[in-house]
Amino acid sequence: MQNKFVQFLKEWVVPILVAVVVVALIRTFLFSFVRVNGPSMTPNLQNGELVLLSKVSKYKRGDVVVFDARQEDPRIRSGEKDYVKRIIGLPGDTVSYQNSNLYVNNKRVNQNYIGINEQTQGTEMSFGSAWSLKTLSSTDQWQEKDRNHSRVPAGEYFVMGDHRSVSNDGRYFGFIDKQHIKGKVYVPFWNSNKTAKQNVNGQNKLFFAN
């Protein structure tokens, strides 16, 4: 009986425990699956869509990331936790908007991944059609630590949603700390929308306009 019990442990219990530990380690340190919540990244990510979250990727301009909004947005709505947005500015970058164009370090950004309405009216701010990090950060909407910056500070990022007319993003609350980013979003291979997949997974290679 004892030998059968030991054999049972070796053949069933131990492999199952090892598998559980491996899965837990992968989900904690490598990647996991998350669901998009809300419309702020349409048309490229839909509300309720299941996406892959990589926790080992380096962050580039054009990447879509998930971050802990409780640490960044002082006006976060009750029940909300994480935001999904696109990185526009890296540490040291300037970001500005003028005449329907978005600029990073005075270079025009390729915005083909969103519609013309989001590029124009959706990106404008209430105080005028042109803005920069300096003008945005001079308002009392931003967190106090982020105010009065003309460039993205070290260890921080400037993010915006693709559906800019409804997105609550860096324009309204400031920069996000790298430590609060949970990972980079990838649209998985089974998604049949090739355009959306390219706009999320590969936009970092097409960030600037030619």
Protein backbone atom coordinates (compact mmCIF):
# COMPACT_ATOMS: atom_id res chain seq x y z
CA MET A 1 0.00 0.00 0.00
CA GLN A 2 2.78 2.40 0.92
CA ASN A 3 4.56 1.80 -2.39
CA LYS A 4 1.36 2.51 -4.30
CA PHE A 5 0.92 5.75 -2.36
CA VAL A 6 4.49 6.85 -3.12
CA GLN A 7 4.00 5.94 -6.76
CA PHE A 8 0.77 7.97 -6.80
CA LEU A 9 2.60 10.96 -5.38
CA LYS A 10 5.38 10.69 -7.97
CA GLU A 11 3.11 10.17 -10.95
CA TRP A 12 0.28 12.57 -10.15
CA VAL A 13 0.68 14.89 -7.18
CA VAL A 14 4.26 16.04 -7.80
CA PRO A 15 3.76 16.81 -11.54
CA ILE A 16 0.58 18.73 -10.77
CA LEU A 17 2.30 20.78 -8.06
CA VAL A 18 5.24 21.49 -10.36
CA ALA A 19 2.86 22.60 -13.12
CA VAL A 20 1.00 24.90 -10.72
CA VAL A 21 4.25 26.48 -9.54
CA VAL A 22 5.52 26.94 -13.12
CA VAL A 23 2.26 28.57 -14.21
CA ALA A 24 2.33 30.87 -11.17
CA LEU A 25 5.91 31.91 -11.91
CA ILE A 26 5.12 32.56 -15.57
CA ARG A 27 2.06 34.68 -14.70
CA THR A 28 4.04 36.62 -12.08
CA PHE A 29 7.26 37.30 -13.95
CA LEU A 30 6.81 36.63 -17.68
CA PHE A 31 3.31 37.12 -19.08
CA SER A 32 -0.40 36.80 -18.40
CA PHE A 33 -3.71 37.43 -20.11
CA VAL A 34 -5.82 40.49 -19.33
CA ARG A 35 -9.13 41.88 -20.57
CA VAL A 36 -9.45 45.39 -21.93
CA ASN A 37 -11.90 47.46 -19.91
CA GLY A 38 -13.52 50.45 -21.57
CA PRO A 39 -13.46 52.19 -24.98
CA SER A 40 -10.33 54.35 -24.62
CA MET A 41 -8.25 52.27 -27.05
CA THR A 42 -10.80 51.73 -29.82
CA PRO A 43 -10.68 51.04 -32.70
CA ASN A 44 -7.51 49.00 -32.04
CA LEU A 45 -8.56 47.35 -28.78
CA GLN A 46 -12.17 46.60 -27.95
CA ASN A 47 -13.89 46.59 -24.58
CA GLY A 48 -13.71 43.05 -23.16
CA GLU A 49 -11.00 41.89 -25.59
CA LEU A 50 -8.52 39.33 -24.24
CA VAL A 51 -4.89 40.32 -24.84
CA LEU A 52 -1.46 39.11 -23.80
CA LEU A 53 0.51 41.14 -21.26
CA SER A 54 4.30 40.78 -21.49
CA LYS A 55 6.15 41.61 -18.29
CA VAL A 56 9.66 41.38 -19.75
CA SER A 57 9.45 43.71 -22.76
CA LYS A 58 11.30 47.00 -23.04
CA TYR A 59 9.02 49.98 -23.54
CA LYS A 60 9.21 52.01 -26.73
CA ARG A 61 7.24 54.86 -28.25
CA GLY A 62 4.08 53.44 -29.78
CA ASP A 63 3.82 50.49 -27.37
CA VAL A 64 0.52 49.86 -25.62
CA VAL A 65 0.88 49.23 -21.88
CA VAL A 66 -1.19 48.47 -18.81
CA PHE A 67 -0.46 50.39 -15.61
CA ASP A 68 -1.85 50.75 -12.10
CA ALA A 69 -4.01 53.85 -12.45
CA ARG A 70 -4.64 54.06 -8.71
CA GLN A 71 -1.06 55.29 -8.39
CA GLU A 72 -1.36 57.83 -11.22
CA ASP A 73 -4.85 59.28 -11.60
CA PRO A 74 -6.03 61.18 -8.51
CA ARG A 75 -9.55 61.35 -9.98
CA ILE A 76 -9.86 57.66 -10.81
CA ARG A 77 -13.45 56.43 -10.68
CA SER A 78 -14.52 54.02 -7.99
CA GLY A 79 -13.97 50.41 -8.97
CA GLU A 80 -11.34 51.13 -11.60
CA LYS A 81 -7.81 49.81 -11.18
CA ASP A 82 -5.73 49.52 -14.36
CA TYR A 83 -5.60 51.69 -17.49
CA VAL A 84 -4.45 50.60 -20.94
CA LYS A 85 -2.82 53.39 -23.00
CA ARG A 86 -0.20 53.98 -25.68
CA ILE A 87 3.26 55.36 -24.89
CA ILE A 88 3.83 58.63 -26.72
CA GLY A 89 6.78 60.13 -24.83
CA LEU A 90 9.82 58.45 -23.29
CA PRO A 91 12.03 59.96 -20.57
CA GLY A 92 13.64 63.14 -21.92
CA ASP A 93 11.12 63.61 -24.76
CA THR A 94 9.17 66.73 -25.59
CA VAL A 95 5.58 66.24 -26.76
CA SER A 96 3.40 68.83 -28.49
CA TYR A 97 0.30 69.13 -30.64
CA GLN A 98 -0.42 71.71 -33.31
CA ASN A 99 -2.54 71.94 -36.46
CA SER A 100 -3.88 68.39 -36.02
CA ASN A 101 -0.34 66.97 -35.80
CA LEU A 102 1.36 65.33 -32.84
CA TYR A 103 5.10 65.92 -32.39
CA VAL A 104 7.73 64.19 -30.27
CA ASN A 105 11.07 65.99 -30.12
CA ASN A 106 9.76 68.21 -32.95
CA LYS A 107 9.32 65.17 -35.24
CA ARG A 108 5.83 64.47 -36.57
CA VAL A 109 4.23 61.29 -35.27
CA ASN A 110 2.61 58.82 -37.64
CA GLN A 111 -1.02 58.71 -36.49
CA ASN A 112 -2.43 56.40 -39.15
CA TYR A 113 -3.51 53.99 -36.42
CA ILE A 114 -6.41 56.28 -35.46
CA GLY A 115 -9.10 58.12 -37.43
CA ILE A 116 -8.90 61.72 -38.54
CA ASN A 117 -11.46 62.85 -35.94
CA GLU A 118 -9.30 61.50 -33.12
CA GLN A 119 -6.19 63.09 -34.66
CA THR A 120 -7.91 66.49 -34.75
CA GLN A 121 -10.82 67.33 -32.44
CA GLY A 122 -10.18 64.31 -30.24
CA THR A 123 -6.64 65.45 -29.39
CA GLU A 124 -7.40 69.11 -28.78
CA MET A 125 -7.63 70.42 -25.24
CA SER A 126 -10.19 72.79 -23.75
CA PHE A 127 -7.75 75.70 -23.46
CA GLY A 128 -6.77 75.68 -27.14
CA SER A 129 -6.04 73.70 -30.27
CA ALA A 130 -2.27 73.70 -29.62
CA TRP A 131 -0.56 72.32 -26.54
CA SER A 132 2.76 71.04 -25.20
CA LEU A 133 3.93 69.26 -22.07
CA LYS A 134 4.78 72.68 -20.67
CA THR A 135 1.24 74.03 -21.12
CA LEU A 136 -0.43 70.81 -19.99
CA SER A 137 1.70 70.51 -16.86
CA SER A 138 1.10 74.12 -15.86
CA THR A 139 -2.54 73.35 -14.99
CA ASP A 140 -3.73 72.22 -11.58
CA GLN A 141 -5.30 69.09 -13.14
CA TRP A 142 -1.94 67.32 -13.11
CA GLN A 143 -0.50 65.66 -10.05
CA GLU A 144 1.67 68.10 -8.16
CA LYS A 145 4.81 65.99 -8.70
CA ASP A 146 4.36 66.20 -12.49
CA ARG A 147 3.68 69.92 -12.85
CA ASN A 148 5.83 72.44 -14.71
CA HIS A 149 7.80 70.05 -16.92
CA SER A 150 8.64 70.70 -20.55
CA ARG A 151 10.09 67.19 -21.00
CA VAL A 152 9.13 63.75 -19.75
CA PRO A 153 11.07 63.24 -16.48
CA ALA A 154 13.51 60.37 -15.91
CA GLY A 155 11.75 57.11 -15.09
CA GLU A 156 8.41 58.41 -16.37
CA TYR A 157 6.31 58.08 -19.54
CA PHE A 158 3.64 60.16 -21.27
CA VAL A 159 0.68 58.09 -22.47
CA MET A 160 -2.49 58.66 -24.46
CA GLY A 161 -5.45 56.51 -25.45
CA ASP A 162 -6.23 55.88 -29.12
CA HIS A 163 -9.85 56.99 -28.70
CA ARG A 164 -8.65 60.39 -27.56
CA SER A 165 -12.01 62.12 -27.45
CA VAL A 166 -13.06 59.86 -24.56
CA SER A 167 -9.70 58.75 -23.14
CA ASN A 168 -8.70 59.86 -19.66
CA ASP A 169 -4.92 59.82 -20.09
CA GLY A 170 -1.67 61.69 -19.50
CA ARG A 171 -3.10 64.89 -20.93
CA TYR A 172 -5.31 65.11 -17.84
CA PHE A 173 -3.32 63.63 -14.95
CA GLY A 174 0.38 63.73 -15.93
CA PHE A 175 3.18 61.22 -16.39
CA ILE A 176 3.18 57.57 -15.34
CA ASP A 177 5.99 56.01 -13.34
CA LYS A 178 7.78 53.02 -14.92
CA GLN A 179 7.40 51.16 -11.63
CA HIS A 180 3.63 51.30 -12.00
CA ILE A 181 3.58 49.74 -15.49
CA LYS A 182 2.45 46.12 -15.36
CA GLY A 183 3.47 45.16 -18.88
CA LYS A 184 3.24 45.61 -22.62
CA VAL A 185 0.12 44.57 -24.52
CA TYR A 186 0.21 42.19 -27.49
CA VAL A 187 -2.80 41.24 -29.57
CA PRO A 188 -2.60 37.41 -29.74
CA PHE A 189 -2.23 35.45 -32.97
CA TRP A 190 -5.82 34.21 -33.02
CA ASN A 191 -7.22 37.73 -33.46
CA SER A 192 -8.24 37.98 -37.13
CA ASN A 193 -8.12 41.79 -37.28
CA LYS A 194 -4.72 42.23 -38.94
CA THR A 195 -4.92 46.03 -38.95
CA ALA A 196 -5.61 46.28 -35.23
CA LYS A 197 -2.92 43.69 -34.54
CA GLN A 198 -0.35 45.73 -36.47
CA ASN A 199 -1.48 48.96 -34.81
CA VAL A 200 -0.85 47.47 -31.36
CA ASN A 201 2.01 45.01 -31.85
CA GLY A 202 4.06 46.85 -34.47
CA GLN A 203 3.37 50.57 -34.16
CA ASN A 204 6.67 51.14 -32.33
CA LYS A 205 8.45 50.45 -35.65
CA LEU A 206 6.29 53.03 -37.48
CA PHE A 207 6.08 55.69 -34.79
CA PHE A 208 7.39 58.67 -36.73
CA ALA A 209 5.99 59.87 -40.05
CA ASN A 210 8.29 59.63 -43.06
